[in-house]
Amino acid sequence: MNKEIEKYLVIICRLILGGVFIYASLDKIANPAEFAKAVGNYHVLPFGMENLVALILPWVELIVGVCIIAGILVDGSSILIIIMNVIFIFAISQALARGISIECGCFSTSSDSGSAIGINTIIRDIGYLIMGFIVLKRKSKWMEFFPKSI
């Protein structure tokens, strides 16, 4: 791939991923109890763990989103984005496979404005996963602070 094209593709992926993760974190941070209920609806975690996830995950999403946009610790941020998306894809897939019809809880904790999980949710998260790999495997460290040095 042309070095110039790759440089701009990585920046676009960083901006999209950062924006999505920041946006996704805001309502969850503001409403942790509602987010804990949304996490509990997936029936993946042991009872009580959804509260811990609801308190920690949104802040991780916010920090990772800010870091990947700002170009700070981009490698670590992209690795965390990849891990989170794999977990999100797994959680949604297992809920669909078990026939659980729930709201995603991805961007809004209120049940009336959320979207139901489905194949579209999985495809969207796979897109974010691919963007995470594009950022991780980049050759150019353009517009980054504290890039990993080898």
N, C-alpha and C. Protein backbone atom coordinates (compact mmCIF):
# COMPACT_ATOMS: atom_id res chain seq x y z
N MET A 1 0.85 -1.18 0.00
CA MET A 1 0.00 0.00 0.00
C MET A 1 0.90 1.24 0.00
N ASN A 2 0.48 2.24 -0.73
CA ASN A 2 1.19 3.50 -0.79
C ASN A 2 1.32 4.08 0.62
N LYS A 3 2.52 4.58 0.94
CA LYS A 3 2.79 5.08 2.29
C LYS A 3 1.89 6.27 2.65
N GLU A 4 1.61 7.14 1.69
CA GLU A 4 0.75 8.29 1.94
C GLU A 4 -0.69 7.86 2.21
N ILE A 5 -1.17 6.91 1.43
CA ILE A 5 -2.54 6.41 1.60
C ILE A 5 -2.66 5.73 2.96
N GLU A 6 -1.67 4.92 3.31
CA GLU A 6 -1.69 4.22 4.60
C GLU A 6 -1.71 5.21 5.76
N LYS A 7 -0.95 6.27 5.64
CA LYS A 7 -0.87 7.28 6.69
C LYS A 7 -2.24 7.91 6.95
N TYR A 8 -2.94 8.25 5.88
CA TYR A 8 -4.25 8.87 6.04
C TYR A 8 -5.32 7.86 6.45
N LEU A 9 -5.21 6.63 5.99
CA LEU A 9 -6.15 5.58 6.39
C LEU A 9 -6.05 5.33 7.90
N VAL A 10 -4.83 5.32 8.41
CA VAL A 10 -4.63 5.10 9.85
C VAL A 10 -5.23 6.25 10.64
N ILE A 11 -5.02 7.48 10.18
CA ILE A 11 -5.58 8.64 10.89
C ILE A 11 -7.10 8.58 10.88
N ILE A 12 -7.69 8.22 9.75
CA ILE A 12 -9.16 8.11 9.67
C ILE A 12 -9.66 7.03 10.62
N CYS A 13 -8.99 5.88 10.65
CA CYS A 13 -9.38 4.80 11.57
C CYS A 13 -9.24 5.25 13.02
N ARG A 14 -8.16 5.96 13.33
CA ARG A 14 -7.97 6.46 14.71
C ARG A 14 -9.09 7.41 15.10
N LEU A 15 -9.45 8.32 14.20
CA LEU A 15 -10.51 9.29 14.51
C LEU A 15 -11.86 8.60 14.69
N ILE A 16 -12.17 7.66 13.81
CA ILE A 16 -13.44 6.94 13.92
C ILE A 16 -13.49 6.13 15.21
N LEU A 17 -12.45 5.34 15.46
CA LEU A 17 -12.43 4.51 16.66
C LEU A 17 -12.48 5.37 17.93
N GLY A 18 -11.68 6.41 17.96
CA GLY A 18 -11.67 7.29 19.12
C GLY A 18 -13.02 7.94 19.35
N GLY A 19 -13.61 8.44 18.29
CA GLY A 19 -14.93 9.07 18.41
C GLY A 19 -15.99 8.10 18.88
N VAL A 20 -15.98 6.89 18.32
CA VAL A 20 -16.96 5.87 18.70
C VAL A 20 -16.80 5.49 20.17
N PHE A 21 -15.58 5.26 20.60
CA PHE A 21 -15.36 4.84 21.98
C PHE A 21 -15.64 5.96 22.98
N ILE A 22 -15.30 7.19 22.64
CA ILE A 22 -15.64 8.31 23.52
C ILE A 22 -17.15 8.46 23.61
N TYR A 23 -17.82 8.46 22.47
CA TYR A 23 -19.27 8.60 22.45
C TYR A 23 -19.95 7.46 23.23
N ALA A 24 -19.45 6.24 23.03
CA ALA A 24 -20.04 5.08 23.70
C ALA A 24 -19.86 5.15 25.22
N SER A 25 -18.81 5.80 25.68
CA SER A 25 -18.53 5.83 27.11
C SER A 25 -19.37 6.85 27.88
N LEU A 26 -19.78 7.93 27.23
CA LEU A 26 -20.37 9.06 27.95
C LEU A 26 -21.65 8.72 28.69
N ASP A 27 -22.61 8.09 28.02
CA ASP A 27 -23.87 7.74 28.68
C ASP A 27 -23.66 6.67 29.74
N LYS A 28 -22.72 5.78 29.50
CA LYS A 28 -22.43 4.71 30.47
C LYS A 28 -21.82 5.29 31.74
N ILE A 29 -20.95 6.29 31.58
CA ILE A 29 -20.34 6.93 32.75
C ILE A 29 -21.40 7.69 33.53
N ALA A 30 -22.32 8.33 32.82
CA ALA A 30 -23.37 9.11 33.48
C ALA A 30 -24.42 8.23 34.16
N ASN A 31 -24.61 7.00 33.67
CA ASN A 31 -25.66 6.11 34.19
C ASN A 31 -25.11 4.71 34.45
N PRO A 32 -24.22 4.56 35.43
CA PRO A 32 -23.61 3.23 35.65
C PRO A 32 -24.61 2.15 36.07
N ALA A 33 -25.65 2.52 36.82
CA ALA A 33 -26.63 1.51 37.25
C ALA A 33 -27.38 0.94 36.05
N GLU A 34 -27.77 1.81 35.13
CA GLU A 34 -28.47 1.34 33.93
C GLU A 34 -27.55 0.50 33.05
N PHE A 35 -26.29 0.90 32.97
CA PHE A 35 -25.34 0.12 32.18
C PHE A 35 -25.10 -1.24 32.82
N ALA A 36 -25.07 -1.30 34.14
CA ALA A 36 -24.91 -2.58 34.83
C ALA A 36 -26.06 -3.53 34.49
N LYS A 37 -27.27 -2.98 34.39
CA LYS A 37 -28.43 -3.81 34.00
C LYS A 37 -28.26 -4.31 32.57
N ALA A 38 -27.78 -3.43 31.67
CA ALA A 38 -27.57 -3.84 30.28
C ALA A 38 -26.52 -4.94 30.18
N VAL A 39 -25.45 -4.83 30.97
CA VAL A 39 -24.41 -5.86 30.99
C VAL A 39 -24.99 -7.16 31.55
N GLY A 40 -25.77 -7.07 32.61
CA GLY A 40 -26.38 -8.25 33.21
C GLY A 40 -27.33 -8.98 32.28
N ASN A 41 -27.96 -8.25 31.37
CA ASN A 41 -28.91 -8.87 30.43
C ASN A 41 -28.24 -9.87 29.49
N TYR A 42 -26.94 -9.77 29.31
CA TYR A 42 -26.22 -10.70 28.44
C TYR A 42 -26.04 -12.08 29.09
N HIS A 43 -26.16 -12.16 30.41
CA HIS A 43 -26.04 -13.42 31.14
C HIS A 43 -24.71 -14.13 30.86
N VAL A 44 -23.63 -13.34 30.90
CA VAL A 44 -22.30 -13.89 30.67
C VAL A 44 -21.47 -13.88 31.96
N LEU A 45 -21.65 -12.85 32.76
CA LEU A 45 -20.83 -12.67 33.96
C LEU A 45 -21.51 -13.24 35.19
N PRO A 46 -20.73 -13.65 36.18
CA PRO A 46 -21.32 -14.07 37.45
C PRO A 46 -22.05 -12.91 38.11
N PHE A 47 -23.04 -13.21 38.92
CA PHE A 47 -23.84 -12.19 39.58
C PHE A 47 -22.93 -11.23 40.36
N GLY A 48 -23.15 -9.95 40.20
CA GLY A 48 -22.37 -8.93 40.89
C GLY A 48 -21.21 -8.38 40.07
N MET A 49 -20.69 -9.17 39.15
CA MET A 49 -19.57 -8.70 38.32
C MET A 49 -20.01 -7.61 37.34
N GLU A 50 -21.29 -7.61 36.98
CA GLU A 50 -21.76 -6.58 36.04
C GLU A 50 -21.59 -5.17 36.61
N ASN A 51 -21.67 -5.05 37.95
CA ASN A 51 -21.46 -3.74 38.58
C ASN A 51 -20.02 -3.28 38.40
N LEU A 52 -19.08 -4.18 38.59
CA LEU A 52 -17.67 -3.85 38.42
C LEU A 52 -17.38 -3.47 36.96
N VAL A 53 -17.90 -4.26 36.04
CA VAL A 53 -17.71 -3.98 34.61
C VAL A 53 -18.34 -2.62 34.26
N ALA A 54 -19.51 -2.34 34.81
CA ALA A 54 -20.21 -1.09 34.51
C ALA A 54 -19.46 0.12 35.05
N LEU A 55 -18.68 -0.07 36.07
CA LEU A 55 -17.90 1.05 36.61
C LEU A 55 -16.56 1.23 35.89
N ILE A 56 -15.95 0.16 35.43
CA ILE A 56 -14.61 0.23 34.85
C ILE A 56 -14.63 0.39 33.33
N LEU A 57 -15.44 -0.40 32.63
CA LEU A 57 -15.42 -0.43 31.16
C LEU A 57 -15.63 0.94 30.52
N PRO A 58 -16.61 1.74 30.95
CA PRO A 58 -16.79 3.04 30.29
C PRO A 58 -15.58 3.97 30.41
N TRP A 59 -14.90 3.90 31.54
CA TRP A 59 -13.71 4.74 31.72
C TRP A 59 -12.57 4.26 30.84
N VAL A 60 -12.45 2.95 30.68
CA VAL A 60 -11.44 2.40 29.77
C VAL A 60 -11.76 2.84 28.35
N GLU A 61 -13.03 2.77 27.95
CA GLU A 61 -13.43 3.22 26.62
C GLU A 61 -13.09 4.69 26.41
N LEU A 62 -13.38 5.52 27.40
CA LEU A 62 -13.10 6.96 27.30
C LEU A 62 -11.60 7.22 27.17
N ILE A 63 -10.80 6.62 28.02
CA ILE A 63 -9.36 6.85 28.01
C ILE A 63 -8.74 6.35 26.70
N VAL A 64 -9.15 5.17 26.26
CA VAL A 64 -8.64 4.61 25.02
C VAL A 64 -9.03 5.50 23.84
N GLY A 65 -10.27 5.97 23.83
CA GLY A 65 -10.72 6.85 22.75
C GLY A 65 -9.93 8.14 22.68
N VAL A 66 -9.71 8.76 23.83
CA VAL A 66 -8.94 10.01 23.88
C VAL A 66 -7.49 9.75 23.45
N CYS A 67 -6.90 8.67 23.94
CA CYS A 67 -5.50 8.37 23.62
C CYS A 67 -5.31 8.08 22.13
N ILE A 68 -6.21 7.33 21.53
CA ILE A 68 -6.01 6.97 20.13
C ILE A 68 -6.19 8.18 19.21
N ILE A 69 -7.08 9.10 19.59
CA ILE A 69 -7.23 10.33 18.80
C ILE A 69 -6.03 11.25 19.01
N ALA A 70 -5.61 11.39 20.25
CA ALA A 70 -4.51 12.30 20.58
C ALA A 70 -3.15 11.75 20.13
N GLY A 71 -3.08 10.48 19.80
CA GLY A 71 -1.83 9.89 19.37
C GLY A 71 -0.91 9.53 20.52
N ILE A 72 -1.51 9.28 21.67
CA ILE A 72 -0.74 8.92 22.85
C ILE A 72 -0.90 7.42 23.10
N LEU A 73 0.21 6.71 23.15
CA LEU A 73 0.19 5.27 23.41
C LEU A 73 -0.78 4.54 22.46
N VAL A 74 -0.61 4.79 21.18
CA VAL A 74 -1.53 4.26 20.16
C VAL A 74 -1.50 2.74 20.10
N ASP A 75 -0.33 2.15 20.28
CA ASP A 75 -0.25 0.68 20.25
C ASP A 75 -1.10 0.06 21.35
N GLY A 76 -0.92 0.55 22.57
CA GLY A 76 -1.71 0.02 23.69
C GLY A 76 -3.19 0.27 23.52
N SER A 77 -3.53 1.46 23.02
CA SER A 77 -4.94 1.78 22.80
C SER A 77 -5.56 0.88 21.75
N SER A 78 -4.83 0.64 20.67
CA SER A 78 -5.39 -0.22 19.62
C SER A 78 -5.50 -1.67 20.10
N ILE A 79 -4.57 -2.12 20.91
CA ILE A 79 -4.68 -3.48 21.47
C ILE A 79 -5.91 -3.58 22.36
N LEU A 80 -6.14 -2.58 23.21
CA LEU A 80 -7.34 -2.60 24.06
C LEU A 80 -8.62 -2.54 23.23
N ILE A 81 -8.62 -1.76 22.17
CA ILE A 81 -9.79 -1.70 21.28
C ILE A 81 -10.05 -3.05 20.65
N ILE A 82 -8.99 -3.72 20.21
CA ILE A 82 -9.15 -5.05 19.62
C ILE A 82 -9.71 -6.03 20.65
N ILE A 83 -9.16 -6.03 21.85
CA ILE A 83 -9.63 -6.94 22.90
C ILE A 83 -11.09 -6.67 23.24
N MET A 84 -11.44 -5.38 23.41
CA MET A 84 -12.83 -5.05 23.74
C MET A 84 -13.77 -5.48 22.64
N ASN A 85 -13.39 -5.27 21.38
CA ASN A 85 -14.28 -5.66 20.29
C ASN A 85 -14.44 -7.17 20.19
N VAL A 86 -13.39 -7.92 20.46
CA VAL A 86 -13.51 -9.39 20.47
C VAL A 86 -14.50 -9.80 21.56
N ILE A 87 -14.39 -9.18 22.73
CA ILE A 87 -15.31 -9.49 23.83
C ILE A 87 -16.73 -9.09 23.47
N PHE A 88 -16.90 -7.90 22.87
CA PHE A 88 -18.24 -7.45 22.47
C PHE A 88 -18.85 -8.41 21.45
N ILE A 89 -18.06 -8.81 20.46
CA ILE A 89 -18.56 -9.73 19.43
C ILE A 89 -18.96 -11.07 20.07
N PHE A 90 -18.13 -11.57 20.97
CA PHE A 90 -18.45 -12.82 21.67
C PHE A 90 -19.74 -12.68 22.47
N ALA A 91 -19.88 -11.60 23.25
CA ALA A 91 -21.06 -11.42 24.10
C ALA A 91 -22.33 -11.33 23.26
N ILE A 92 -22.28 -10.57 22.19
CA ILE A 92 -23.46 -10.42 21.33
C ILE A 92 -23.78 -11.74 20.63
N SER A 93 -22.75 -12.42 20.14
CA SER A 93 -22.96 -13.69 19.43
C SER A 93 -23.58 -14.74 20.34
N GLN A 94 -23.08 -14.86 21.57
CA GLN A 94 -23.63 -15.87 22.46
C GLN A 94 -25.06 -15.53 22.85
N ALA A 95 -25.37 -14.24 23.00
CA ALA A 95 -26.75 -13.85 23.33
C ALA A 95 -27.68 -14.18 22.16
N LEU A 96 -27.24 -13.90 20.95
CA LEU A 96 -28.06 -14.23 19.77
C LEU A 96 -28.23 -15.74 19.63
N ALA A 97 -27.15 -16.49 19.85
CA ALA A 97 -27.21 -17.95 19.72
C ALA A 97 -28.16 -18.56 20.75
N ARG A 98 -28.26 -17.94 21.92
CA ARG A 98 -29.15 -18.45 22.96
C ARG A 98 -30.56 -17.87 22.84
N GLY A 99 -30.79 -17.03 21.85
CA GLY A 99 -32.12 -16.48 21.63
C GLY A 99 -32.51 -15.38 22.58
N ILE A 100 -31.52 -14.73 23.18
CA ILE A 100 -31.80 -13.63 24.11
C ILE A 100 -32.01 -12.36 23.30
N SER A 101 -33.17 -11.75 23.43
CA SER A 101 -33.49 -10.52 22.71
C SER A 101 -33.34 -9.35 23.68
N ILE A 102 -32.25 -8.59 23.51
CA ILE A 102 -31.95 -7.49 24.43
C ILE A 102 -31.48 -6.27 23.66
N GLU A 103 -31.49 -5.14 24.36
CA GLU A 103 -30.91 -3.92 23.81
C GLU A 103 -29.40 -4.04 23.93
N CYS A 104 -28.70 -3.46 23.00
CA CYS A 104 -27.25 -3.58 22.93
C CYS A 104 -26.56 -3.00 24.16
N GLY A 105 -26.94 -1.78 24.56
CA GLY A 105 -26.22 -1.11 25.65
C GLY A 105 -24.91 -0.54 25.18
N CYS A 106 -24.73 -0.47 23.86
CA CYS A 106 -23.45 -0.04 23.29
C CYS A 106 -23.24 1.47 23.40
N PHE A 107 -24.26 2.23 23.06
CA PHE A 107 -24.12 3.68 23.02
C PHE A 107 -25.07 4.41 23.95
N SER A 108 -26.10 3.73 24.41
CA SER A 108 -27.07 4.36 25.30
C SER A 108 -27.55 3.32 26.29
N THR A 109 -27.71 3.74 27.53
CA THR A 109 -28.15 2.81 28.57
C THR A 109 -29.66 2.78 28.69
N SER A 110 -30.36 3.73 28.09
CA SER A 110 -31.83 3.73 28.20
C SER A 110 -32.41 2.75 27.20
N SER A 111 -33.36 1.97 27.65
CA SER A 111 -33.92 0.92 26.81
C SER A 111 -34.76 1.47 25.67
N ASP A 112 -35.29 2.68 25.80
CA ASP A 112 -36.13 3.21 24.73
C ASP A 112 -35.32 3.81 23.59
N SER A 113 -34.04 4.14 23.81
CA SER A 113 -33.25 4.72 22.72
C SER A 113 -32.15 3.77 22.24
N GLY A 114 -32.01 2.62 22.88
CA GLY A 114 -30.99 1.66 22.48
C GLY A 114 -31.45 0.85 21.27
N SER A 115 -30.52 0.14 20.69
CA SER A 115 -30.87 -0.70 19.54
C SER A 115 -30.73 -2.16 19.95
N ALA A 116 -31.62 -2.98 19.43
CA ALA A 116 -31.58 -4.40 19.73
C ALA A 116 -30.36 -5.03 19.06
N ILE A 117 -29.79 -6.03 19.74
CA ILE A 117 -28.64 -6.71 19.16
C ILE A 117 -29.09 -7.52 17.95
N GLY A 118 -28.17 -7.73 17.03
CA GLY A 118 -28.45 -8.50 15.84
C GLY A 118 -27.18 -8.68 15.03
N ILE A 119 -27.32 -9.24 13.87
CA ILE A 119 -26.17 -9.48 13.00
C ILE A 119 -25.53 -8.16 12.60
N ASN A 120 -26.34 -7.10 12.48
CA ASN A 120 -25.78 -5.78 12.14
C ASN A 120 -24.83 -5.29 13.23
N THR A 121 -25.15 -5.57 14.48
CA THR A 121 -24.28 -5.18 15.59
C THR A 121 -22.95 -5.90 15.51
N ILE A 122 -22.99 -7.18 15.17
CA ILE A 122 -21.76 -7.97 15.04
C ILE A 122 -20.92 -7.46 13.87
N ILE A 123 -21.56 -7.18 12.74
CA ILE A 123 -20.84 -6.68 11.57
C ILE A 123 -20.19 -5.33 11.88
N ARG A 124 -20.92 -4.46 12.57
CA ARG A 124 -20.37 -3.16 12.96
C ARG A 124 -19.13 -3.35 13.83
N ASP A 125 -19.21 -4.24 14.81
CA ASP A 125 -18.07 -4.47 15.70
C ASP A 125 -16.90 -5.13 14.98
N ILE A 126 -17.19 -5.96 13.99
CA ILE A 126 -16.11 -6.54 13.18
C ILE A 126 -15.41 -5.43 12.39
N GLY A 127 -16.17 -4.46 11.92
CA GLY A 127 -15.57 -3.30 11.24
C GLY A 127 -14.64 -2.54 12.17
N TYR A 128 -15.07 -2.33 13.41
CA TYR A 128 -14.20 -1.66 14.39
C TYR A 128 -12.98 -2.51 14.70
N LEU A 129 -13.16 -3.82 14.74
CA LEU A 129 -12.05 -4.73 14.98
C LEU A 129 -11.02 -4.61 13.86
N ILE A 130 -11.47 -4.58 12.63
CA ILE A 130 -10.56 -4.44 11.49
C ILE A 130 -9.82 -3.11 11.56
N MET A 131 -10.54 -2.03 11.91
CA MET A 131 -9.88 -0.73 12.04
C MET A 131 -8.83 -0.76 13.15
N GLY A 132 -9.11 -1.48 14.22
CA GLY A 132 -8.14 -1.62 15.30
C GLY A 132 -6.87 -2.30 14.81
N PHE A 133 -7.02 -3.34 13.98
CA PHE A 133 -5.85 -4.02 13.43
C PHE A 133 -5.10 -3.13 12.44
N ILE A 134 -5.83 -2.32 11.66
CA ILE A 134 -5.17 -1.39 10.74
C ILE A 134 -4.28 -0.43 11.53
N VAL A 135 -4.81 0.09 12.64
CA VAL A 135 -4.03 1.02 13.46
C VAL A 135 -2.85 0.29 14.11
N LEU A 136 -3.06 -0.90 14.61
CA LEU A 136 -2.00 -1.64 15.28
C LEU A 136 -0.86 -1.99 14.32
N LYS A 137 -1.19 -2.38 13.10
CA LYS A 137 -0.19 -2.85 12.14
C LYS A 137 0.37 -1.73 11.26
N ARG A 138 0.10 -0.47 11.60
CA ARG A 138 0.57 0.66 10.80
C ARG A 138 2.09 0.69 10.76
N LYS A 139 2.61 1.24 9.66
CA LYS A 139 4.06 1.41 9.53
C LYS A 139 4.46 2.82 9.91
N SER A 140 3.61 3.78 9.65
CA SER A 140 3.91 5.17 9.93
C SER A 140 3.45 5.55 11.34
N LYS A 141 4.26 6.28 12.04
CA LYS A 141 3.90 6.77 13.38
C LYS A 141 3.55 8.26 13.30
N TRP A 142 2.91 8.65 12.21
CA TRP A 142 2.58 10.04 11.94
C TRP A 142 1.55 10.55 12.95
N MET A 143 1.77 11.74 13.45
CA MET A 143 0.89 12.39 14.41
C MET A 143 0.71 11.57 15.69
N GLU A 144 1.82 11.06 16.22
CA GLU A 144 1.78 10.30 17.46
C GLU A 144 2.78 10.86 18.46
N PHE A 145 2.42 10.77 19.72
CA PHE A 145 3.32 11.10 20.80
C PHE A 145 3.63 9.80 21.52
N PHE A 146 4.83 9.62 21.96
CA PHE A 146 5.26 8.43 22.67
C PHE A 146 5.02 7.15 21.88
N PRO A 147 5.44 7.12 20.61
CA PRO A 147 5.27 5.86 19.87
C PRO A 147 6.20 4.80 20.42
N LYS A 148 5.80 3.55 20.26
CA LYS A 148 6.62 2.44 20.71
C LYS A 148 7.90 2.43 19.85
N SER A 149 9.02 2.34 20.48
CA SER A 149 10.27 2.30 19.73
C SER A 149 10.89 0.92 19.89
N ILE A 150 11.40 0.41 18.80
CA ILE A 150 12.00 -0.94 18.82
C ILE A 150 13.46 -0.82 18.48
